[in-house]
């Protein structure tokens, strides 16, 4: 990931993918499907596509290639908004809700 500029998370089913956050921490511009936590993680720092077809992915990749987002900005965004502590607390809240 250190030498990559882009990261693609084209998932059908997903939670909050750690690999996506790791790629963004390394400054990779993410392209991800509109599934579960992927759009939340990407926010305005990448490209989210809605349909599960080749044309939608192709358009998303083209948009990513034209994006002017800077690797350092992507890294800072994910480091600030998805800390390990925050993710742990959110996971704990979900588990507690499931136990009720």
C-alpha atoms as a PDB file:
ATOM      1  CA  UNK A   1       0.000   0.000   0.000  1.00  0.00           C
ATOM      2  CA  UNK A   2       2.928   2.313   0.598  1.00  0.00           C
ATOM      3  CA  UNK A   3       3.627   2.480  -3.128  1.00  0.00           C
ATOM      4  CA  UNK A   4      -0.020   2.448  -4.266  1.00  0.00           C
ATOM      5  CA  UNK A   5      -2.086   5.531  -5.023  1.00  0.00           C
ATOM      6  CA  UNK A   6      -5.506   3.821  -5.114  1.00  0.00           C
ATOM      7  CA  UNK A   7      -7.348   1.151  -3.144  1.00  0.00           C
ATOM      8  CA  UNK A   8     -10.502  -0.606  -4.352  1.00  0.00           C
ATOM      9  CA  UNK A   9     -12.994  -2.165  -1.913  1.00  0.00           C
ATOM     10  CA  UNK A  10     -15.635  -3.518  -4.303  1.00  0.00           C
ATOM     11  CA  UNK A  11     -17.608  -5.561  -1.800  1.00  0.00           C
ATOM     12  CA  UNK A  12     -21.047  -7.133  -1.922  1.00  0.00           C
ATOM     13  CA  UNK A  13     -21.281  -7.478   1.844  1.00  0.00           C
ATOM     14  CA  UNK A  14     -19.054  -5.760   4.378  1.00  0.00           C
ATOM     15  CA  UNK A  15     -18.854  -4.279   7.836  1.00  0.00           C
ATOM     16  CA  UNK A  16     -16.278  -1.592   8.590  1.00  0.00           C
ATOM     17  CA  UNK A  17     -13.300  -2.950   6.640  1.00  0.00           C
ATOM     18  CA  UNK A  18      -9.975  -2.543   8.399  1.00  0.00           C
ATOM     19  CA  UNK A  19      -8.128  -2.993   5.103  1.00  0.00           C
ATOM     20  CA  UNK A  20      -9.891   0.092   3.731  1.00  0.00           C
ATOM     21  CA  UNK A  21      -8.884   2.154   6.755  1.00  0.00           C
ATOM     22  CA  UNK A  22      -5.313   0.853   6.546  1.00  0.00           C
ATOM     23  CA  UNK A  23      -5.095   1.813   2.877  1.00  0.00           C
ATOM     24  CA  UNK A  24      -6.426   5.281   3.621  1.00  0.00           C
ATOM     25  CA  UNK A  25      -3.936   5.676   6.481  1.00  0.00           C
ATOM     26  CA  UNK A  26      -1.229   5.024   3.895  1.00  0.00           C
ATOM     27  CA  UNK A  27      -2.723   7.790   1.730  1.00  0.00           C
ATOM     28  CA  UNK A  28      -4.401   5.597  -0.876  1.00  0.00           C
ATOM     29  CA  UNK A  29      -7.440   7.142  -2.539  1.00  0.00           C
ATOM     30  CA  UNK A  30     -10.281   4.675  -1.921  1.00  0.00           C
ATOM     31  CA  UNK A  31     -12.896   3.471  -4.372  1.00  0.00           C
ATOM     32  CA  UNK A  32     -15.612   1.462  -2.664  1.00  0.00           C
ATOM     33  CA  UNK A  33     -19.062   0.036  -3.106  1.00  0.00           C
ATOM     34  CA  UNK A  34     -22.046   1.533  -1.297  1.00  0.00           C
ATOM     35  CA  UNK A  35     -22.244  -1.277   1.263  1.00  0.00           C
ATOM     36  CA  UNK A  36     -22.498  -1.050   5.066  1.00  0.00           C
ATOM     37  CA  UNK A  37     -19.642   1.024   6.535  1.00  0.00           C
ATOM     38  CA  UNK A  38     -17.678   1.647   3.349  1.00  0.00           C
ATOM     39  CA  UNK A  39     -19.319   5.001   2.471  1.00  0.00           C
ATOM     40  CA  UNK A  40     -19.005   6.119   6.093  1.00  0.00           C
ATOM     41  CA  UNK A  41     -15.287   5.441   6.099  1.00  0.00           C
ATOM     42  CA  UNK A  42     -14.629   6.983   2.682  1.00  0.00           C
ATOM     43  CA  UNK A  43     -16.675  10.110   3.306  1.00  0.00           C
ATOM     44  CA  UNK A  44     -15.531  12.854   0.954  1.00  0.00           C
ATOM     45  CA  UNK A  45     -12.043  11.371   0.655  1.00  0.00           C
ATOM     46  CA  UNK A  46     -12.643   8.907  -2.153  1.00  0.00           C
ATOM     47  CA  UNK A  47     -15.262   7.547  -4.519  1.00  0.00           C
ATOM     48  CA  UNK A  48     -18.313   5.433  -3.665  1.00  0.00           C
ATOM     49  CA  UNK A  49     -20.286   3.681  -6.387  1.00  0.00           C
ATOM     50  CA  UNK A  50     -23.842   2.359  -6.053  1.00  0.00           C
ATOM     51  CA  UNK A  51     -24.416  -0.358  -8.638  1.00  0.00           C
ATOM     52  CA  UNK A  52     -22.692  -3.726  -8.719  1.00  0.00           C
ATOM     53  CA  UNK A  53     -21.723  -3.738 -12.363  1.00  0.00           C
ATOM     54  CA  UNK A  54     -18.614  -3.206 -14.413  1.00  0.00           C
ATOM     55  CA  UNK A  55     -19.754   0.128 -15.845  1.00  0.00           C
ATOM     56  CA  UNK A  56     -20.307   1.659 -12.376  1.00  0.00           C
ATOM     57  CA  UNK A  57     -16.888   0.472 -11.241  1.00  0.00           C
ATOM     58  CA  UNK A  58     -15.309   1.823 -14.414  1.00  0.00           C
ATOM     59  CA  UNK A  59     -16.902   5.260 -13.857  1.00  0.00           C
ATOM     60  CA  UNK A  60     -15.806   5.272 -10.212  1.00  0.00           C
ATOM     61  CA  UNK A  61     -12.236   4.438 -11.196  1.00  0.00           C
ATOM     62  CA  UNK A  62     -12.241   7.228 -13.783  1.00  0.00           C
ATOM     63  CA  UNK A  63     -13.503   9.661 -11.143  1.00  0.00           C
ATOM     64  CA  UNK A  64     -10.735   8.522  -8.781  1.00  0.00           C
ATOM     65  CA  UNK A  65      -8.089   9.006 -11.465  1.00  0.00           C
ATOM     66  CA  UNK A  66      -9.295  12.587 -11.935  1.00  0.00           C
ATOM     67  CA  UNK A  67      -9.596  13.384  -8.213  1.00  0.00           C
ATOM     68  CA  UNK A  68      -7.304  15.959  -6.709  1.00  0.00           C
ATOM     69  CA  UNK A  69      -7.302  14.532  -3.183  1.00  0.00           C
ATOM     70  CA  UNK A  70      -3.907  14.503  -1.531  1.00  0.00           C
ATOM     71  CA  UNK A  71      -2.555  11.366   0.193  1.00  0.00           C
ATOM     72  CA  UNK A  72      -1.713  13.275   3.384  1.00  0.00           C
ATOM     73  CA  UNK A  73      -5.268  14.664   3.603  1.00  0.00           C
ATOM     74  CA  UNK A  74      -6.736  11.172   3.180  1.00  0.00           C
ATOM     75  CA  UNK A  75      -4.434   9.793   5.860  1.00  0.00           C
ATOM     76  CA  UNK A  76      -5.203  12.587   8.333  1.00  0.00           C
ATOM     77  CA  UNK A  77      -8.960  12.203   7.786  1.00  0.00           C
ATOM     78  CA  UNK A  78      -9.054   8.507   8.587  1.00  0.00           C
ATOM     79  CA  UNK A  79      -6.549   8.823  11.459  1.00  0.00           C
ATOM     80  CA  UNK A  80      -8.679  11.512  13.077  1.00  0.00           C
ATOM     81  CA  UNK A  81     -12.127  10.053  12.462  1.00  0.00           C
ATOM     82  CA  UNK A  82     -11.539   6.320  12.936  1.00  0.00           C
ATOM     83  CA  UNK A  83      -9.123   5.893  15.805  1.00  0.00           C
ATOM     84  CA  UNK A  84      -8.609   2.451  17.276  1.00  0.00           C
ATOM     85  CA  UNK A  85     -10.170   3.648  20.532  1.00  0.00           C
ATOM     86  CA  UNK A  86     -13.271   4.973  18.771  1.00  0.00           C
ATOM     87  CA  UNK A  87     -13.734   1.766  16.789  1.00  0.00           C
ATOM     88  CA  UNK A  88     -13.365  -0.283  19.972  1.00  0.00           C
ATOM     89  CA  UNK A  89     -15.961   1.807  21.772  1.00  0.00           C
ATOM     90  CA  UNK A  90     -18.406   1.514  18.884  1.00  0.00           C
ATOM     91  CA  UNK A  91     -17.899  -2.241  18.735  1.00  0.00           C
ATOM     92  CA  UNK A  92     -18.518  -2.500  22.463  1.00  0.00           C
ATOM     93  CA  UNK A  93     -21.761  -0.536  22.104  1.00  0.00           C
ATOM     94  CA  UNK A  94     -22.982  -2.860  19.357  1.00  0.00           C
ATOM     95  CA  UNK A  95     -22.162  -5.967  21.408  1.00  0.00           C
ATOM     96  CA  UNK A  96     -23.955  -4.528  24.437  1.00  0.00           C
ATOM     97  CA  UNK A  97     -27.047  -3.792  22.332  1.00  0.00           C
ATOM     98  CA  UNK A  98     -27.032  -7.332  20.973  1.00  0.00           C
ATOM     99  CA  UNK A  99     -26.911  -8.744  24.514  1.00  0.00           C
ATOM    100  CA  UNK A 100     -30.082  -6.893  25.559  1.00  0.00           C
END
